[in-house]
Amino acid sequence: MGVLSWLIEDGDAGGVDLAGLPVALALRYSDDEEGSPWTWVLYLDERASREQREALEAIFTGRLGGDALSHFPWAWKPSELVAVRPVAIDVEHTQRRQRLRIRDHVSVRISDRYAGLENVTCVIPGHERTGEELVTDELTVDDGRLAFSFRGVTGYGSTFDYSG
């Protein structure tokens, strides 16, 4: 269970400019289930135009192909997309003090960098890139079938470079 978020610095899809737009997912999967299927909600910024939301949905569901099919487990594993929600997204990806707020659904606050010496990585996109291991002060999801809350769990912050 967790939350992923992106803030697109630069890029486009088919000529549709996506720079400056945030995207987030709330998710649940279990490696103990056959095929480790994903259950997820895709959040798109309500300020995006219809064309931008359509492009982002195509990218993050994997329908557009490209790097998504290599990096996004929910695109290449069995998965259930519960909803695509255009909502107010407030995100800050400042080093060590990251936060994400999705109105009425998600709240994530990072308290600090993880103090341990070991590296914590997984199949989450970007794990192979240099980044920061982080500790959450709050991670709460309340969105229908996806509802959970944690404190003190680790997270990961990094840059990404997707194409195709």
Protein backbone atom coordinates (compact mmCIF):
# COMPACT_ATOMS: atom_id res chain seq x y z
CA MET A 1 0.00 0.00 0.00
CA GLY A 2 1.30 3.41 -0.76
CA VAL A 3 1.27 6.60 -2.77
CA LEU A 4 3.41 7.68 -5.70
CA SER A 5 3.62 11.21 -7.04
CA TRP A 6 5.32 13.03 -9.88
CA LEU A 7 5.75 16.67 -10.75
CA ILE A 8 6.51 16.93 -14.45
CA GLU A 9 9.30 19.45 -15.00
CA ASP A 10 9.42 19.26 -18.79
CA GLY A 11 7.77 17.18 -21.47
CA ASP A 12 4.91 16.60 -23.83
CA ALA A 13 2.87 13.79 -25.33
CA GLY A 14 1.96 14.11 -28.98
CA GLY A 15 2.54 17.86 -28.86
CA VAL A 16 0.46 18.34 -25.68
CA ASP A 17 2.60 20.23 -23.16
CA LEU A 18 2.66 18.51 -19.74
CA ALA A 19 5.25 20.69 -17.96
CA GLY A 20 4.32 21.74 -14.44
CA LEU A 21 1.57 19.16 -13.96
CA PRO A 22 1.43 16.86 -10.93
CA VAL A 23 0.23 13.25 -11.13
CA ALA A 24 -0.31 10.79 -8.27
CA LEU A 25 -1.39 7.21 -7.60
CA ALA A 26 -2.78 5.57 -4.50
CA LEU A 27 -2.15 1.84 -4.67
CA ARG A 28 -2.33 -1.56 -3.10
CA TYR A 29 -0.70 -4.80 -4.19
CA SER A 30 0.63 -7.93 -2.52
CA ASP A 31 3.44 -10.18 -3.66
CA ASP A 32 1.61 -12.95 -1.77
CA GLU A 33 -1.18 -12.88 -4.39
CA GLU A 34 -0.72 -14.73 -7.69
CA GLY A 35 0.74 -12.20 -10.16
CA SER A 36 0.79 -9.53 -7.42
CA PRO A 37 -2.11 -7.59 -8.97
CA TRP A 38 -2.34 -3.86 -8.37
CA THR A 39 -5.44 -1.96 -7.29
CA TRP A 40 -4.99 1.74 -7.90
CA VAL A 41 -6.48 5.20 -8.33
CA LEU A 42 -4.95 7.72 -10.71
CA TYR A 43 -5.13 11.39 -9.67
CA LEU A 44 -4.76 14.10 -12.32
CA ASP A 45 -4.56 17.81 -11.59
CA GLU A 46 -7.94 19.47 -12.08
CA ARG A 47 -6.18 22.52 -13.57
CA ALA A 48 -5.01 20.43 -16.55
CA SER A 49 -6.90 20.80 -19.79
CA ARG A 50 -8.95 17.91 -21.16
CA GLU A 51 -6.16 17.16 -23.65
CA GLN A 52 -3.53 17.14 -20.90
CA ARG A 53 -5.61 14.84 -18.69
CA GLU A 54 -6.21 12.46 -21.61
CA ALA A 55 -2.47 12.39 -22.40
CA LEU A 56 -1.52 11.78 -18.75
CA GLU A 57 -4.10 9.02 -18.38
CA ALA A 58 -2.76 7.34 -21.53
CA ILE A 59 0.81 7.58 -20.23
CA PHE A 60 0.20 6.43 -16.65
CA THR A 61 -2.12 3.55 -17.59
CA GLY A 62 0.45 2.33 -20.13
CA ARG A 63 -1.93 2.68 -23.08
CA LEU A 64 0.54 5.02 -24.79
CA GLY A 65 3.35 2.43 -24.49
CA GLY A 66 6.94 3.62 -24.21
CA ASP A 67 8.85 3.64 -20.92
CA ALA A 68 5.65 3.15 -18.93
CA LEU A 69 5.63 -0.51 -19.92
CA SER A 70 9.12 -0.89 -18.43
CA HIS A 71 8.73 1.26 -15.32
CA PHE A 72 5.09 1.11 -14.23
CA PRO A 73 4.22 -2.28 -12.68
CA TRP A 74 0.50 -1.43 -12.73
CA ALA A 75 0.79 -1.10 -16.54
CA TRP A 76 2.40 -4.50 -17.16
CA LYS A 77 1.08 -6.59 -14.27
CA PRO A 78 -2.52 -7.59 -13.64
CA SER A 79 -4.21 -4.50 -12.25
CA GLU A 80 -7.51 -2.85 -11.52
CA LEU A 81 -7.78 0.86 -12.12
CA VAL A 82 -10.49 1.85 -9.64
CA ALA A 83 -10.85 5.47 -10.80
CA VAL A 84 -9.23 8.35 -12.63
CA ARG A 85 -9.91 11.50 -10.64
CA PRO A 86 -9.31 15.08 -11.74
CA VAL A 87 -8.74 16.74 -8.36
CA ALA A 88 -6.88 19.55 -6.66
CA ILE A 89 -3.31 18.34 -6.14
CA ASP A 90 -0.88 20.25 -3.94
CA VAL A 91 2.62 18.80 -4.19
CA GLU A 92 6.08 19.90 -3.12
CA HIS A 93 9.07 17.77 -4.00
CA THR A 94 11.62 19.79 -2.05
CA GLN A 95 14.50 17.66 -0.78
CA ARG A 96 13.78 16.15 2.67
CA ARG A 97 10.49 18.02 3.16
CA GLN A 98 8.27 16.54 0.52
CA ARG A 99 4.50 16.68 0.81
CA LEU A 100 1.43 15.76 -1.20
CA ARG A 101 -2.17 16.71 -0.59
CA ILE A 102 -4.99 15.49 -2.80
CA ARG A 103 -8.21 17.09 -1.68
CA ASP A 104 -10.45 14.69 0.27
CA HIS A 105 -8.36 11.62 -0.61
CA VAL A 106 -4.61 11.65 0.15
CA SER A 107 -2.16 13.29 2.51
CA VAL A 108 1.58 12.56 2.62
CA ARG A 109 4.15 14.46 4.68
CA ILE A 110 7.82 13.56 4.85
CA SER A 111 9.47 14.16 8.21
CA ASP A 112 13.13 13.66 7.28
CA ARG A 113 15.72 11.59 5.51
CA TYR A 114 16.03 7.95 6.56
CA ALA A 115 18.99 7.57 8.95
CA GLY A 116 19.87 3.94 8.15
CA LEU A 117 22.88 2.89 6.12
CA GLU A 118 21.15 0.27 3.97
CA ASN A 119 19.55 1.10 0.64
CA VAL A 120 15.82 0.49 0.37
CA THR A 121 14.59 -0.02 -3.19
CA CYS A 122 11.86 -1.94 -4.93
CA VAL A 123 10.08 -2.10 -8.29
CA ILE A 124 8.76 1.45 -7.85
CA PRO A 125 9.74 3.50 -10.93
CA GLY A 126 13.06 5.26 -10.51
CA HIS A 127 14.47 2.98 -7.82
CA GLU A 128 17.64 2.53 -9.86
CA ARG A 129 18.34 6.28 -9.82
CA THR A 130 20.13 8.16 -7.09
CA GLY A 131 17.61 9.59 -4.68
CA GLU A 132 16.73 9.99 -1.04
CA GLU A 133 15.35 7.42 1.37
CA LEU A 134 12.76 9.28 3.42
CA VAL A 135 10.58 8.76 6.49
CA THR A 136 6.92 9.71 6.48
CA ASP A 137 5.32 11.77 9.18
CA GLU A 138 1.95 10.94 7.64
CA LEU A 139 0.71 8.80 4.74
CA THR A 140 -3.09 8.63 4.60
CA VAL A 141 -5.37 7.44 1.82
CA ASP A 142 -9.15 7.56 2.10
CA ASP A 143 -10.64 6.78 -1.30
CA GLY A 144 -13.31 4.07 -1.32
CA ARG A 145 -11.65 0.65 -1.64
CA LEU A 146 -8.26 2.18 -0.92
CA ALA A 147 -8.15 3.30 2.70
CA PHE A 148 -5.06 3.09 4.91
CA SER A 149 -2.85 5.22 7.12
CA PHE A 150 0.79 4.93 8.19
CA ARG A 151 3.39 6.92 10.11
CA GLY A 152 7.12 6.37 10.22
CA VAL A 153 7.35 4.21 7.09
CA THR A 154 10.09 4.80 4.55
CA GLY A 155 9.66 6.37 1.16
CA TYR A 156 11.85 7.28 -1.77
CA GLY A 157 12.37 10.56 -3.61
CA SER A 158 14.16 10.87 -6.93
CA THR A 159 14.10 12.40 -10.38
CA PHE A 160 12.86 10.34 -13.31
CA ASP A 161 13.44 10.43 -17.05
CA TYR A 162 10.74 8.68 -19.07
CA SER A 163 10.22 8.75 -22.83
CA GLY A 164 8.55 6.97 -25.70
